[in-house]
Amino acid sequence: DATNMFTLGSVVYDAKNRKLIINENTIELTATESRILLIFALSPNKTIERSRLQKEIWEDEGVIVGRSLDMFISKLRKKLELDPNIKIVVVRAKGYKLEISS
């Protein structure tokens, strides 16, 4: 399904199957990593507020955990680092942004 496939730099993100495909390497994502990446993939190069990420990812569970988001962002960064043109950057006092430079 095309709506579940995103091209982010040289990375293909398969949201439906929770996979990243980079240079023929397939990297599995956890459900939470995939949910976070999907929010970024839908708004590349736009700042996403921290509160929005926390609300969208954890609100259903009734628990909003401050440091969990940082931990998942850190894990996603490691998985994306095979492509130097993709970065999840901190926007001070606001949130995060998926920066894709060509």
Protein backbone atom coordinates (compact mmCIF):
# COMPACT_ATOMS: atom_id res chain seq x y z
CA ASP A 1 0.00 0.00 0.00
CA ALA A 2 1.65 3.19 -1.20
CA THR A 3 0.32 5.31 1.66
CA ASN A 4 2.35 3.25 4.10
CA MET A 5 5.64 3.72 2.23
CA PHE A 6 7.72 6.84 2.77
CA THR A 7 11.00 7.78 1.14
CA LEU A 8 13.14 9.73 3.58
CA GLY A 9 16.45 10.52 1.92
CA SER A 10 17.90 7.15 0.91
CA VAL A 11 15.76 5.36 3.47
CA VAL A 12 12.47 3.70 2.62
CA TYR A 13 10.18 3.58 5.62
CA ASP A 14 7.54 0.86 5.47
CA ALA A 15 5.08 2.01 8.13
CA LYS A 16 2.75 -0.95 7.75
CA ASN A 17 5.45 -3.55 8.39
CA ARG A 18 7.47 -1.33 10.75
CA LYS A 19 10.68 -1.55 8.74
CA LEU A 20 13.38 0.77 7.47
CA ILE A 21 15.13 -0.25 4.28
CA ILE A 22 18.53 1.40 3.85
CA ASN A 23 20.98 0.27 1.16
CA GLU A 24 19.31 -3.15 1.04
CA ASN A 25 19.56 -3.50 4.83
CA THR A 26 16.26 -3.99 6.61
CA ILE A 27 15.97 -2.60 10.12
CA GLU A 28 13.00 -3.58 12.26
CA LEU A 29 11.23 -0.90 14.29
CA THR A 30 9.26 -1.39 17.47
CA ALA A 31 5.60 -0.34 17.44
CA THR A 32 6.41 2.84 19.38
CA GLU A 33 9.41 3.75 17.20
CA SER A 34 7.25 3.29 14.15
CA ARG A 35 4.45 5.47 15.54
CA ILE A 36 6.93 8.26 16.29
CA LEU A 37 8.60 7.98 12.89
CA LEU A 38 5.23 8.03 11.15
CA ILE A 39 4.39 11.40 12.74
CA PHE A 40 7.75 12.75 11.50
CA ALA A 41 7.39 11.15 8.05
CA LEU A 42 4.04 12.87 7.54
CA SER A 43 5.64 16.28 8.30
CA PRO A 44 9.28 16.18 7.24
CA ASN A 45 11.34 19.31 8.02
CA LYS A 46 8.62 20.62 10.32
CA THR A 47 8.93 21.05 14.06
CA ILE A 48 6.70 18.66 15.99
CA GLU A 49 5.97 19.73 19.51
CA ARG A 50 7.13 17.47 22.25
CA SER A 51 3.71 17.58 23.88
CA ARG A 52 2.04 16.48 20.66
CA LEU A 53 4.38 13.51 20.27
CA GLN A 54 3.81 12.46 23.88
CA LYS A 55 0.07 12.88 23.57
CA GLU A 56 -0.21 10.95 20.29
CA ILE A 57 2.06 8.11 21.33
CA TRP A 58 1.21 7.54 24.96
CA GLU A 59 -2.18 9.10 25.64
CA ASP A 60 -4.04 5.87 24.88
CA GLU A 61 -2.08 4.18 27.61
CA GLY A 62 -3.08 6.88 30.08
CA VAL A 63 0.55 7.46 30.99
CA ILE A 64 2.73 10.21 29.64
CA VAL A 65 6.33 9.53 30.45
CA GLY A 66 8.70 12.44 30.00
CA ARG A 67 11.96 10.61 29.37
CA SER A 68 10.50 7.81 27.27
CA LEU A 69 10.22 10.09 24.27
CA ASP A 70 13.92 11.00 24.47
CA MET A 71 14.83 7.34 24.69
CA PHE A 72 12.80 6.42 21.60
CA ILE A 73 14.13 9.41 19.65
CA SER A 74 17.64 8.26 20.53
CA LYS A 75 16.90 4.72 19.30
CA LEU A 76 15.41 6.06 16.07
CA ARG A 77 18.46 8.26 15.49
CA LYS A 78 20.71 5.21 15.74
CA LYS A 79 18.58 3.31 13.24
CA LEU A 80 18.55 6.24 10.81
CA GLU A 81 22.26 7.07 11.05
CA LEU A 82 23.11 4.92 8.01
CA ASP A 83 21.86 7.89 5.99
CA PRO A 84 23.78 11.04 6.98
CA ASN A 85 21.14 13.21 5.29
CA ILE A 86 18.45 12.32 7.81
CA LYS A 87 18.56 13.71 11.31
CA ILE A 88 16.08 14.04 14.12
CA VAL A 89 17.06 17.35 15.64
CA VAL A 90 16.00 18.99 18.88
CA VAL A 91 14.23 22.30 18.45
CA ARG A 92 15.02 23.98 21.74
CA ALA A 93 12.01 24.54 24.02
CA LYS A 94 9.68 23.29 21.28
CA GLY A 95 10.14 19.71 20.19
CA TYR A 96 11.81 17.73 17.45
CA LYS A 97 12.17 17.90 13.70
CA LEU A 98 12.98 15.23 11.11
CA GLU A 99 15.48 17.05 8.89
CA ILE A 100 16.05 15.60 5.47
CA SER A 101 18.74 17.27 3.41
CA SER A 102 19.26 16.19 -0.16
